[in-house]
Protein backbone atom coordinates (compact mmCIF):
# COMPACT_ATOMS: atom_id res chain seq x y z
CA UNK A 1 -29.91 24.62 -9.38
CA UNK A 2 -28.37 25.59 -6.02
CA UNK A 3 -30.39 22.81 -4.32
CA UNK A 4 -29.02 20.22 -6.74
CA UNK A 5 -25.43 21.35 -6.06
CA UNK A 6 -26.13 21.32 -2.32
CA UNK A 7 -27.45 17.78 -2.48
CA UNK A 8 -24.41 16.64 -4.42
CA UNK A 9 -22.12 18.09 -1.90
CA UNK A 10 -24.00 16.42 0.91
CA UNK A 11 -23.75 12.94 -0.66
CA UNK A 12 -21.07 10.96 1.12
CA UNK A 13 -19.85 8.78 -1.72
CA UNK A 14 -17.66 6.84 0.61
CA UNK A 15 -20.65 5.67 2.60
CA UNK A 16 -22.81 5.10 -0.52
CA UNK A 17 -20.24 2.94 -2.28
CA UNK A 18 -19.33 1.14 0.93
CA UNK A 19 -22.97 0.36 1.73
CA UNK A 20 -23.55 -0.85 -1.83
CA UNK A 21 -20.55 -3.13 -1.74
CA UNK A 22 -21.51 -4.50 1.67
CA UNK A 23 -25.12 -5.32 0.61
CA UNK A 24 -23.87 -6.90 -2.65
CA UNK A 25 -21.48 -9.16 -0.80
CA UNK A 26 -23.98 -10.21 1.84
CA UNK A 27 -26.59 -10.99 -0.78
CA UNK A 28 -24.03 -12.86 -2.80
CA UNK A 29 -22.95 -15.00 0.24
CA UNK A 30 -26.57 -15.98 0.88
CA UNK A 31 -27.04 -16.91 -2.80
CA UNK A 32 -23.69 -18.77 -2.97
CA UNK A 33 -24.42 -20.91 0.11
CA UNK A 34 -27.70 -22.10 -1.37
CA UNK A 35 -26.16 -22.85 -4.75
CA UNK A 36 -23.26 -24.64 -3.05
CA UNK A 37 -25.68 -27.01 -1.37
CA UNK A 38 -27.62 -27.64 -4.63
CA UNK A 39 -24.66 -27.87 -7.06
CA UNK A 40 -22.94 -31.07 -8.08
CA UNK A 41 -19.44 -31.94 -6.82
CA UNK A 42 -18.01 -32.12 -10.40
CA UNK A 43 -18.74 -32.35 -14.10
CA UNK A 44 -20.05 -35.65 -15.37
CA UNK A 45 -20.65 -36.94 -18.81
CA UNK A 46 -24.38 -36.64 -18.41
CA UNK A 47 -24.46 -33.11 -17.20
CA UNK A 48 -22.60 -29.83 -17.82
CA UNK A 49 -23.54 -27.37 -15.06
CA UNK A 50 -22.42 -23.82 -15.21
CA UNK A 51 -20.77 -24.12 -11.76
CA UNK A 52 -19.76 -26.96 -9.49
CA UNK A 53 -19.16 -26.88 -5.77
CA UNK A 54 -15.47 -25.79 -6.23
CA UNK A 55 -16.57 -22.71 -8.18
CA UNK A 56 -19.05 -21.73 -5.40
CA UNK A 57 -16.43 -22.38 -2.71
CA UNK A 58 -14.10 -19.96 -4.49
CA UNK A 59 -16.91 -17.39 -4.76
CA UNK A 60 -17.74 -17.76 -1.05
CA UNK A 61 -14.17 -17.45 -0.04
CA UNK A 62 -13.72 -14.23 -2.13
CA UNK A 63 -16.92 -12.70 -0.74
CA UNK A 64 -16.00 -13.39 2.82
CA UNK A 65 -12.52 -12.03 2.18
CA UNK A 66 -14.11 -8.96 0.51
CA UNK A 67 -16.10 -8.23 3.70
CA UNK A 68 -12.88 -8.41 5.75
CA UNK A 69 -10.69 -6.33 3.57
CA UNK A 70 -13.20 -3.63 2.96
CA UNK A 71 -12.90 -2.80 6.69
CA UNK A 72 -9.09 -2.54 6.60
CA UNK A 73 -8.84 1.15 5.68
CA UNK A 74 -11.06 2.12 8.62
CA UNK A 75 -8.99 -0.03 10.99
CA UNK A 76 -5.73 1.63 9.72
CA UNK A 77 -7.30 5.07 10.20
CA UNK A 78 -8.29 4.34 13.80
CA UNK A 79 -5.07 2.48 14.85
CA UNK A 80 -2.51 4.91 13.26
CA UNK A 81 -4.58 8.10 13.15
CA UNK A 82 -4.06 8.30 9.42
CA UNK A 83 -6.79 10.21 7.52
CA UNK A 84 -7.25 8.31 4.25
CA UNK A 85 -8.98 10.55 1.59
CA UNK A 86 -12.59 9.71 0.73
CA UNK A 87 -11.71 9.29 -2.92
CA UNK A 88 -9.30 6.48 -2.08
CA UNK A 89 -12.17 4.70 -0.24
CA UNK A 90 -14.43 5.09 -3.27
CA UNK A 91 -11.80 3.73 -5.64
CA UNK A 92 -11.08 0.84 -3.28
CA UNK A 93 -14.78 -0.10 -2.94
CA UNK A 94 -15.25 0.07 -6.70
CA UNK A 95 -12.27 -2.20 -7.22
CA UNK A 96 -13.61 -4.79 -4.67
CA UNK A 97 -16.97 -4.68 -6.30
CA UNK A 98 -15.57 -5.30 -9.82
CA UNK A 99 -13.13 -7.96 -8.66
CA UNK A 100 -15.31 -9.94 -6.29
CA UNK A 101 -18.97 -9.41 -7.29
CA UNK A 102 -18.60 -8.79 -10.99
CA UNK A 103 -15.50 -10.96 -11.48
CA UNK A 104 -16.26 -14.03 -9.36
CA UNK A 105 -20.02 -13.97 -8.71
CA UNK A 106 -21.13 -12.63 -12.07
CA UNK A 107 -18.37 -14.54 -13.84
CA UNK A 108 -16.79 -11.53 -15.60
CA UNK A 109 -13.47 -13.20 -15.55
CA UNK A 110 -14.68 -15.61 -18.12
CA UNK A 111 -17.36 -13.54 -19.85
CA UNK A 112 -15.45 -10.22 -20.42
CA UNK A 113 -12.19 -10.54 -22.30
CA UNK A 114 -9.13 -9.38 -20.27
CA UNK A 115 -11.33 -8.51 -17.26
CA UNK A 116 -8.56 -9.72 -14.95
CA UNK A 117 -5.87 -7.58 -16.63
CA UNK A 118 -8.23 -4.55 -16.58
CA UNK A 119 -8.62 -4.93 -12.80
CA UNK A 120 -4.92 -5.39 -12.27
CA UNK A 121 -4.25 -2.20 -14.28
CA UNK A 122 -6.84 -0.41 -12.08
CA UNK A 123 -5.40 -1.75 -8.87
CA UNK A 124 -1.80 -1.02 -9.84
CA UNK A 125 -2.65 2.57 -10.48
CA UNK A 126 -4.82 2.83 -7.38
CA UNK A 127 -2.07 1.41 -5.13
CA UNK A 128 0.47 3.69 -6.75
CA UNK A 129 -1.76 6.67 -5.88
CA UNK A 130 -2.21 5.31 -2.32
CA UNK A 131 1.58 5.03 -1.93
CA UNK A 132 1.91 8.70 -2.90
CA UNK A 133 -0.93 9.66 -0.52
CA UNK A 134 0.77 7.82 2.37
CA UNK A 135 4.06 9.66 1.84
CA UNK A 136 2.29 13.00 1.46
CA UNK A 137 0.42 12.49 4.72
CA UNK A 138 3.45 11.40 6.59
CA UNK A 139 5.54 14.24 5.21
CA UNK A 140 2.90 16.68 6.58
CA UNK A 141 2.19 14.91 9.85
CA UNK A 142 3.70 16.30 13.02
CA UNK A 143 5.62 13.66 14.95
CA UNK A 144 6.97 11.85 11.91
CA UNK A 145 10.55 12.71 11.12
CA UNK A 146 10.02 11.93 7.41
CA UNK A 147 11.13 14.21 4.59
CA UNK A 148 11.12 12.11 1.46
CA UNK A 149 11.72 13.96 -1.85
CA UNK A 150 9.16 13.55 -4.68
CA UNK A 151 11.61 11.14 -6.41
CA UNK A 152 11.92 8.77 -3.46
CA UNK A 153 8.14 9.08 -2.81
CA UNK A 154 7.64 7.93 -6.36
CA UNK A 155 9.96 4.99 -5.78
CA UNK A 156 8.11 4.12 -2.61
CA UNK A 157 4.74 4.28 -4.35
CA UNK A 158 5.93 2.03 -7.18
CA UNK A 159 7.44 -0.54 -4.85
CA UNK A 160 4.40 -0.42 -2.58
CA UNK A 161 2.01 -1.07 -5.38
CA UNK A 162 4.13 -3.90 -6.88
CA UNK A 163 4.63 -5.48 -3.42
CA UNK A 164 0.90 -5.63 -2.82
CA UNK A 165 0.43 -7.13 -6.29
CA UNK A 166 3.07 -9.79 -5.56
CA UNK A 167 1.55 -10.54 -2.14
CA UNK A 168 -1.86 -11.07 -3.82
CA UNK A 169 -0.31 -13.58 -6.30
CA UNK A 170 1.24 -15.43 -3.39
CA UNK A 171 -2.21 -15.56 -1.68
CA UNK A 172 -3.83 -16.89 -4.85
CA UNK A 173 -1.12 -19.63 -5.16
CA UNK A 174 -1.53 -20.63 -1.54
CA UNK A 175 -5.35 -20.81 -1.76
CA UNK A 176 -5.22 -22.76 -5.04
CA UNK A 177 -2.70 -25.21 -3.56
CA UNK A 178 -4.52 -25.82 -0.30
CA UNK A 179 -8.15 -25.77 -1.41
CA UNK A 180 -7.73 -26.92 -4.99
CA UNK A 181 -9.23 -23.78 -6.45
CA UNK A 182 -8.43 -21.93 -9.70
CA UNK A 183 -7.73 -18.30 -8.67
CA UNK A 184 -4.60 -18.17 -10.78
CA UNK A 185 -6.52 -19.57 -13.77
CA UNK A 186 -4.05 -22.41 -14.32
CA UNK A 187 -7.00 -24.50 -15.47
CA UNK A 188 -9.68 -23.96 -18.12
CA UNK A 189 -13.24 -23.54 -16.96
CA UNK A 190 -13.94 -27.25 -17.67
CA UNK A 191 -11.07 -28.25 -15.30
CA UNK A 192 -8.48 -28.99 -17.98
CA UNK A 193 -5.00 -28.06 -16.54
CA UNK A 194 -2.81 -25.83 -18.58
CA UNK A 195 0.81 -26.92 -19.30
CA UNK A 196 4.16 -25.18 -19.23
CA UNK A 197 4.26 -21.38 -19.97
CA UNK A 198 0.44 -21.33 -20.47
CA UNK A 199 -0.01 -22.14 -16.79
CA UNK A 200 2.25 -19.20 -15.90
CA UNK A 201 0.67 -16.71 -18.23
CA UNK A 202 -2.09 -15.51 -15.86
CA UNK A 203 0.31 -14.82 -12.96
CA UNK A 204 3.08 -13.26 -15.05
CA UNK A 205 0.67 -11.07 -16.99
CA UNK A 206 -0.94 -9.83 -13.79
CA UNK A 207 2.44 -8.82 -12.24
CA UNK A 208 3.55 -7.15 -15.50
CA UNK A 209 0.36 -5.16 -15.75
CA UNK A 210 0.64 -4.25 -12.07
CA UNK A 211 4.11 -2.94 -12.70
CA UNK A 212 3.22 -0.92 -15.78
CA UNK A 213 0.12 0.69 -14.33
CA UNK A 214 1.98 1.48 -11.09
CA UNK A 215 4.89 2.96 -13.04
CA UNK A 216 2.57 5.19 -15.07
CA UNK A 217 0.78 6.39 -11.95
CA UNK A 218 4.04 7.16 -10.06
CA UNK A 219 5.39 9.10 -13.02
CA UNK A 220 2.10 11.10 -13.23
CA UNK A 221 2.23 11.66 -9.46
CA UNK A 222 5.86 12.72 -9.53
CA UNK A 223 5.16 15.28 -12.35
CA UNK A 224 2.10 16.52 -10.52
CA UNK A 225 3.73 17.17 -7.12
CA UNK A 226 6.71 18.87 -8.80
CA UNK A 227 4.63 21.23 -10.90
CA UNK A 228 2.12 22.05 -8.06
CA UNK A 229 4.91 22.33 -5.50
CA UNK A 230 2.71 20.18 -3.27
CA UNK A 231 5.69 18.96 -1.22
CA UNK A 232 6.94 20.07 2.15
CA UNK A 233 9.56 22.78 2.06
CA UNK A 234 11.94 20.46 3.92
CA UNK A 235 12.05 17.90 1.09
CA UNK A 236 15.02 17.87 -1.19
CA UNK A 237 15.68 16.20 -4.48
């Protein structure tokens, strides 16, 4: 029993989840490149393929972006000497796996109802927790003259999460506009464009869910740090 507990303690889940995500993305890139070459340019009356070149182009873009952004926390740690908790890494890697591999490569956005909204709820809460973590670290880091109260830390965490969510929607819009893709789901899977409010539904629902999940997380974080007295003694309400 003690050996099992010792093994569990020795497992570095940050490295395990990171390696699993990296291998999944690399394997997906190889598969997508092959399928991109073999797939038709568009849907014709004589054939109805599951994916056309535009679909694989989006998958490839997302996988390459995933490889880049999964390195960002490590870059931030080295450049600004900020110690990001391992659990944040694990949550981050799980989110990237669910959004890129399951969502795009395995087509969960179309197969699983509300998959996109589930991920936005997860990311909003995760980013809210990250915002709190950043303020906590800065409040307790020598050299930073920062003494935010729990209330203002909660406001920062909420704004931080919502800003990242908005920036992501801007990124999706730019990619869709320049490359003719469908990240914002303004078209049906068969290429039929949505009209009016229906074309806005995906973007607005994403932002609303981001806001709600971030708000819930920041409220929970505020209550937690107040009850646990986890704040610096110099902070004031």
